[in-house]
Amino acid sequence: MLNKLLIAIVGPTAVGKTAVSLKLAAQFNTEILSADSRQFYREMEIGTAKPTGEELQKVSHHFINNLSIQDDYNAGKYEKEALVCLSGLFKTHDKAILVGGSGLFVNALCEGFDELPDGNTELRVKYEDVLKNKGIEVIQKELEEKDPAYYETVDKNNPRRLIRALEVIHQTGLPYSQFRKKEPKNRGFKTLKIGLDLEKEELKERINKRVDEMLVNGWLEECKELYKYRKLNALKTVGYTELFDFIVGKNDWNITVQNIKTNTWHYAKRQLTWFKKDSDIKWFSPDDLPAIMEYIAKA
């Protein structure tokens, strides 16, 4: 399959990855695989900026709404399932599009990981108890001490990622970062990585506008429906945690909205930090489709 090409569209939240991926999929008459881990969950509709129903009808998508928030899922499972999906796609298509801002899942498909140990229920319960009674800061501090390399790039407000890394560290005696492949696995197809980025103020503006739009579209009502499941790992993520705090009266509405915008911006910066370390990524403005097409044509 070395004549097959996976085009990976990556970058920070709200930069415009979905729009570019849809145009490329239409141009090459192919399908899209999502690598946005929040879009996997069908119950999280409004706050994850999924493609619209109309967009999903125009282009076939994979790994959107494929899970429940109660499912146990990780990058290792995604790697295996996405490879099976790609194998099927490449039987009838020369190109496929991968799009998303979850760097761990992008890497899982493009480069692969060493085999990680299965989750440890006892350790997970222990750390969830620490999270509940002592706060996320305690878990953050332990991971920073045990694996500073991974701590530098992980989403520090995502307890699921923090706890999973500590599980592996305790089970193996090795830093979690050592399990991230330094040498890519032989995939049998070519991968072309395209990064999308904007000037700081423009990206901030897009983030703020998107947050406002999602709130208008009923994000708070969605969170009220999901509130009883708030302790599930899938829901411990930017936007949802702030709205859950509002529901119980922890903050007023204006502070809640500002916290969502601020924390989303911080998340976007962490995404950029992750992707900028990958020298294989070629960066473009999301508005410069001709340059992107030219780059793909030379691949």
Protein backbone atom coordinates (compact mmCIF):
# COMPACT_ATOMS: atom_id res chain seq x y z
CA MET A 1 0.00 0.00 0.00
CA LEU A 2 2.97 2.33 -0.33
CA ASN A 3 1.10 4.09 -3.12
CA LYS A 4 -1.63 4.97 -0.59
CA LEU A 5 -1.55 8.29 1.24
CA LEU A 6 -2.95 9.27 4.64
CA ILE A 7 -3.27 13.06 4.88
CA ALA A 8 -3.26 14.11 8.54
CA ILE A 9 -4.75 17.53 9.28
CA VAL A 10 -3.72 18.68 12.76
CA GLY A 11 -3.65 21.84 14.83
CA PRO A 12 -5.29 23.62 17.76
CA THR A 13 -8.99 23.68 18.52
CA ALA A 14 -11.11 26.14 16.50
CA VAL A 15 -8.39 26.72 13.89
CA GLY A 16 -10.53 25.35 11.05
CA LYS A 17 -9.45 21.72 10.67
CA THR A 18 -12.95 20.45 9.91
CA ALA A 19 -13.52 22.89 7.04
CA VAL A 20 -10.18 22.05 5.42
CA SER A 21 -10.67 18.30 5.84
CA LEU A 22 -14.10 18.46 4.23
CA LYS A 23 -12.71 20.33 1.22
CA LEU A 24 -9.87 17.84 0.83
CA ALA A 25 -12.18 14.84 1.18
CA ALA A 26 -14.44 16.28 -1.53
CA GLN A 27 -11.46 17.04 -3.77
CA PHE A 28 -10.07 13.51 -3.50
CA ASN A 29 -13.44 11.75 -3.25
CA THR A 30 -12.47 10.01 -0.04
CA GLU A 31 -13.46 9.61 3.60
CA ILE A 32 -12.40 11.12 6.93
CA LEU A 33 -11.15 9.53 10.15
CA SER A 34 -11.50 11.68 13.26
CA ALA A 35 -8.62 11.87 15.74
CA ASP A 36 -10.48 14.17 18.11
CA SER A 37 -10.97 12.03 21.21
CA ARG A 38 -13.90 14.13 22.47
CA GLN A 39 -15.86 13.62 19.24
CA PHE A 40 -15.90 9.86 19.75
CA TYR A 41 -18.65 10.19 22.38
CA ARG A 42 -22.17 10.40 21.05
CA GLU A 43 -23.59 12.00 24.22
CA MET A 44 -21.19 14.95 23.91
CA GLU A 45 -22.71 16.64 20.90
CA ILE A 46 -22.68 20.41 21.27
CA GLY A 47 -19.54 21.01 23.32
CA THR A 48 -17.19 19.03 21.07
CA ALA A 49 -17.67 21.00 17.82
CA LYS A 50 -18.46 17.92 15.76
CA PRO A 51 -19.17 18.29 12.06
CA THR A 52 -22.81 19.19 11.47
CA GLY A 53 -25.36 16.63 10.36
CA GLU A 54 -25.20 18.11 6.87
CA GLU A 55 -21.41 17.82 6.79
CA LEU A 56 -21.56 14.23 7.98
CA GLN A 57 -23.97 13.44 5.15
CA LYS A 58 -21.73 15.01 2.51
CA VAL A 59 -18.60 13.07 3.50
CA SER A 60 -18.36 9.72 5.26
CA HIS A 61 -16.72 10.05 8.69
CA HIS A 62 -15.30 7.40 10.99
CA PHE A 63 -14.75 7.63 14.77
CA ILE A 64 -17.45 10.19 15.42
CA ASN A 65 -20.27 9.14 17.76
CA ASN A 66 -18.78 5.64 17.85
CA LEU A 67 -18.59 5.43 21.65
CA SER A 68 -20.61 6.07 24.78
CA ILE A 69 -19.16 8.18 27.59
CA GLN A 70 -19.35 5.02 29.70
CA ASP A 71 -17.02 3.08 27.40
CA ASP A 72 -13.40 2.46 28.37
CA TYR A 73 -11.25 3.61 25.46
CA ASN A 74 -7.65 4.59 24.84
CA ALA A 75 -5.14 5.39 22.12
CA GLY A 76 -4.06 1.75 21.86
CA LYS A 77 -7.58 0.62 20.99
CA TYR A 78 -7.91 3.52 18.57
CA GLU A 79 -4.69 2.53 16.80
CA LYS A 80 -5.93 -1.00 16.15
CA GLU A 81 -9.43 0.05 15.04
CA ALA A 82 -8.21 2.92 12.86
CA LEU A 83 -5.72 0.67 11.07
CA VAL A 84 -8.52 -1.78 10.27
CA CYS A 85 -10.64 1.11 9.01
CA LEU A 86 -7.82 2.43 6.84
CA SER A 87 -7.10 -1.00 5.40
CA GLY A 88 -10.68 -1.14 4.18
CA LEU A 89 -10.63 2.40 2.82
CA PHE A 90 -7.40 1.87 0.91
CA LYS A 91 -8.97 -0.98 -1.03
CA THR A 92 -11.07 1.55 -2.93
CA HIS A 93 -9.31 4.90 -2.32
CA ASP A 94 -5.78 6.14 -2.94
CA LYS A 95 -6.05 8.76 -0.21
CA ALA A 96 -7.73 9.11 3.18
CA ILE A 97 -8.00 12.09 5.54
CA LEU A 98 -7.17 12.02 9.24
CA VAL A 99 -8.24 15.10 11.19
CA GLY A 100 -8.06 16.08 14.83
CA GLY A 101 -6.29 17.87 17.63
CA SER A 102 -5.69 14.92 19.97
CA GLY A 103 -1.97 14.43 19.42
CA LEU A 104 -1.85 11.13 21.26
CA PHE A 105 -4.41 9.59 18.89
CA VAL A 106 -2.79 11.11 15.78
CA ASN A 107 0.54 9.59 16.82
CA ALA A 108 -1.09 6.26 17.63
CA LEU A 109 -2.26 5.87 14.05
CA CYS A 110 0.64 7.51 12.22
CA GLU A 111 3.57 6.15 14.23
CA GLY A 112 2.17 3.64 16.71
CA PHE A 113 3.05 2.87 20.31
CA ASP A 114 4.76 0.12 22.19
CA GLU A 115 2.26 -2.17 23.81
CA LEU A 116 1.00 -0.65 27.07
CA PRO A 117 -0.16 -2.75 30.03
CA ASP A 118 -3.89 -3.10 30.50
CA GLY A 119 -5.56 -0.66 32.86
CA ASN A 120 -5.26 -1.42 36.56
CA THR A 121 -8.58 -1.01 38.38
CA GLU A 122 -7.01 -0.84 41.83
CA LEU A 123 -4.62 1.95 40.84
CA ARG A 124 -7.35 3.83 38.99
CA VAL A 125 -9.69 3.75 41.97
CA LYS A 126 -6.84 4.93 44.20
CA TYR A 127 -6.12 7.96 42.01
CA GLU A 128 -9.79 8.76 41.47
CA ASP A 129 -10.10 8.87 45.26
CA VAL A 130 -7.11 11.24 45.41
CA LEU A 131 -8.74 13.35 42.72
CA LYS A 132 -12.02 13.54 44.62
CA ASN A 133 -10.59 14.24 48.07
CA LYS A 134 -7.36 16.14 47.42
CA GLY A 135 -7.80 17.64 43.97
CA ILE A 136 -6.15 17.32 40.58
CA GLU A 137 -3.10 19.32 41.72
CA VAL A 138 -1.82 16.36 43.76
CA ILE A 139 -1.99 14.07 40.73
CA GLN A 140 -0.37 16.71 38.51
CA LYS A 141 2.52 17.09 40.95
CA GLU A 142 3.16 13.34 41.14
CA LEU A 143 3.21 12.97 37.36
CA GLU A 144 5.52 15.98 37.01
CA GLU A 145 7.95 14.35 39.45
CA LYS A 146 7.79 10.87 37.92
CA ASP A 147 7.70 11.81 34.21
CA PRO A 148 8.52 15.48 33.50
CA ALA A 149 8.82 14.81 29.75
CA TYR A 150 5.24 13.59 29.44
CA TYR A 151 3.99 16.18 31.93
CA GLU A 152 5.28 18.94 29.66
CA THR A 153 2.96 17.95 26.81
CA VAL A 154 -0.05 16.28 28.46
CA ASP A 155 -3.37 18.07 28.89
CA LYS A 156 -2.83 18.84 32.58
CA ASN A 157 -6.54 19.39 33.20
CA ASN A 158 -7.49 15.97 31.87
CA PRO A 159 -7.40 13.60 34.88
CA ARG A 160 -7.99 10.58 32.63
CA ARG A 161 -4.67 11.17 30.86
CA LEU A 162 -2.83 11.93 34.11
CA ILE A 163 -4.14 8.85 35.90
CA ARG A 164 -3.49 6.54 32.94
CA ALA A 165 0.14 7.69 32.80
CA LEU A 166 0.60 7.07 36.52
CA GLU A 167 -0.98 3.62 36.16
CA VAL A 168 1.62 2.67 33.54
CA ILE A 169 4.47 4.15 35.59
CA HIS A 170 3.49 2.13 38.66
CA GLN A 171 2.95 -1.07 36.70
CA THR A 172 6.17 -0.96 34.68
CA GLY A 173 8.56 1.16 36.72
CA LEU A 174 9.24 3.19 33.58
CA PRO A 175 8.21 6.72 32.57
CA TYR A 176 5.07 6.77 30.45
CA SER A 177 6.93 8.88 27.88
CA GLN A 178 9.20 5.92 27.12
CA PHE A 179 6.24 4.03 25.69
CA ARG A 180 5.73 6.61 22.98
CA LYS A 181 7.48 5.31 19.92
CA LYS A 182 10.70 7.02 18.91
CA GLU A 183 10.86 4.94 15.73
CA PRO A 184 7.63 4.85 13.68
CA LYS A 185 6.11 1.48 12.95
CA ASN A 186 6.08 0.37 9.34
CA ARG A 187 2.55 1.21 8.29
CA GLY A 188 2.68 0.22 4.63
CA PHE A 189 1.23 3.56 3.54
CA LYS A 190 2.63 7.07 3.31
CA THR A 191 1.61 9.75 5.79
CA LEU A 192 1.62 13.47 5.05
CA LYS A 193 1.14 15.73 8.06
CA ILE A 194 -0.36 19.19 7.56
CA GLY A 195 -0.58 21.61 10.47
CA LEU A 196 -3.01 24.52 10.58
CA ASP A 197 -2.26 27.64 12.59
CA LEU A 198 -3.30 31.29 12.85
CA GLU A 199 -2.01 34.45 14.45
CA LYS A 200 -2.58 34.40 18.22
CA GLU A 201 -5.32 37.03 18.33
CA GLU A 202 -7.23 35.54 15.40
CA LEU A 203 -7.19 32.09 16.99
CA LYS A 204 -8.34 33.55 20.30
CA GLU A 205 -11.18 35.30 18.50
CA ARG A 206 -12.24 32.08 16.81
CA ILE A 207 -12.17 30.21 20.12
CA ASN A 208 -14.30 32.85 21.84
CA LYS A 209 -16.78 32.93 18.95
CA ARG A 210 -17.10 29.16 18.96
CA VAL A 211 -17.72 29.07 22.71
CA ASP A 212 -20.45 31.70 22.35
CA GLU A 213 -22.06 29.76 19.50
CA MET A 214 -22.04 26.47 21.40
CA LEU A 215 -23.65 28.13 24.41
CA VAL A 216 -26.36 29.65 22.21
CA ASN A 217 -26.93 26.21 20.67
CA GLY A 218 -27.74 24.67 24.05
CA TRP A 219 -24.45 23.52 25.55
CA LEU A 220 -25.63 24.27 29.11
CA GLU A 221 -28.77 22.20 28.56
CA GLU A 222 -26.62 19.35 27.26
CA CYS A 223 -24.50 19.54 30.43
CA LYS A 224 -27.59 19.48 32.64
CA GLU A 225 -28.57 16.20 30.97
CA LEU A 226 -25.05 14.83 31.50
CA TYR A 227 -24.55 16.15 35.03
CA LYS A 228 -25.30 12.82 36.70
CA TYR A 229 -22.43 11.28 34.69
CA ARG A 230 -19.97 14.09 35.48
CA LYS A 231 -17.51 11.76 37.23
CA LEU A 232 -16.89 9.74 34.07
CA ASN A 233 -13.48 10.37 32.53
CA ALA A 234 -14.91 11.41 29.18
CA LEU A 235 -16.66 14.38 30.78
CA LYS A 236 -13.65 15.65 32.71
CA THR A 237 -12.71 18.00 29.92
CA VAL A 238 -12.60 21.69 29.08
CA GLY A 239 -16.01 23.34 28.92
CA TYR A 240 -17.95 20.54 30.52
CA THR A 241 -16.20 20.84 33.89
CA GLU A 242 -16.77 24.61 33.97
CA LEU A 243 -20.46 24.21 33.14
CA PHE A 244 -20.87 21.50 35.78
CA ASP A 245 -19.41 23.98 38.28
CA PHE A 246 -21.97 26.57 37.18
CA ILE A 247 -24.82 24.09 37.59
CA VAL A 248 -23.94 23.60 41.26
CA GLY A 249 -23.49 27.35 41.83
CA LYS A 250 -19.72 27.41 42.14
CA ASN A 251 -19.37 30.37 39.73
CA ASP A 252 -21.72 32.90 38.18
CA TRP A 253 -22.47 32.84 34.47
CA ASN A 254 -20.02 35.53 33.35
CA ILE A 255 -17.13 33.92 35.21
CA THR A 256 -18.11 30.51 33.84
CA VAL A 257 -18.08 31.72 30.23
CA GLN A 258 -14.76 33.48 30.69
CA ASN A 259 -13.25 30.39 32.33
CA ILE A 260 -14.31 28.25 29.37
CA LYS A 261 -12.74 30.68 26.92
CA THR A 262 -9.53 31.01 28.93
CA ASN A 263 -9.14 27.28 29.53
CA THR A 264 -9.89 26.50 25.88
CA TRP A 265 -7.14 28.92 24.87
CA HIS A 266 -4.73 27.22 27.26
CA TYR A 267 -5.72 23.88 25.75
CA ALA A 268 -5.05 25.23 22.26
CA LYS A 269 -1.58 26.33 23.34
CA ARG A 270 -0.84 22.85 24.71
CA GLN A 271 -1.95 21.34 21.41
CA LEU A 272 0.41 23.64 19.52
CA THR A 273 3.27 22.78 21.88
CA TRP A 274 2.70 19.10 21.13
CA PHE A 275 2.45 19.43 17.36
CA LYS A 276 5.25 21.98 16.93
CA LYS A 277 7.69 19.35 18.23
CA ASP A 278 6.93 17.15 15.22
CA SER A 279 9.33 18.16 12.44
CA ASP A 280 7.31 16.15 9.90
CA ILE A 281 4.42 18.63 10.09
CA LYS A 282 4.25 21.31 7.39
CA TRP A 283 2.36 24.38 8.60
CA PHE A 284 -0.23 26.41 6.67
CA SER A 285 -2.96 28.93 7.25
CA PRO A 286 -6.35 27.20 7.11
CA ASP A 287 -7.36 29.80 4.52
CA ASP A 288 -4.55 28.87 2.11
CA LEU A 289 -6.11 25.83 0.45
CA PRO A 290 -4.20 26.27 -2.84
CA ALA A 291 -0.86 25.99 -1.03
CA ILE A 292 -2.09 22.94 0.85
CA MET A 293 -3.23 21.31 -2.40
CA GLU A 294 0.12 22.05 -4.04
CA TYR A 295 1.95 20.47 -1.11
CA ILE A 296 -0.20 17.33 -1.33
CA ALA A 297 0.35 17.11 -5.09
CA LYS A 298 4.11 16.93 -4.55
CA ALA A 299 3.84 14.13 -2.00
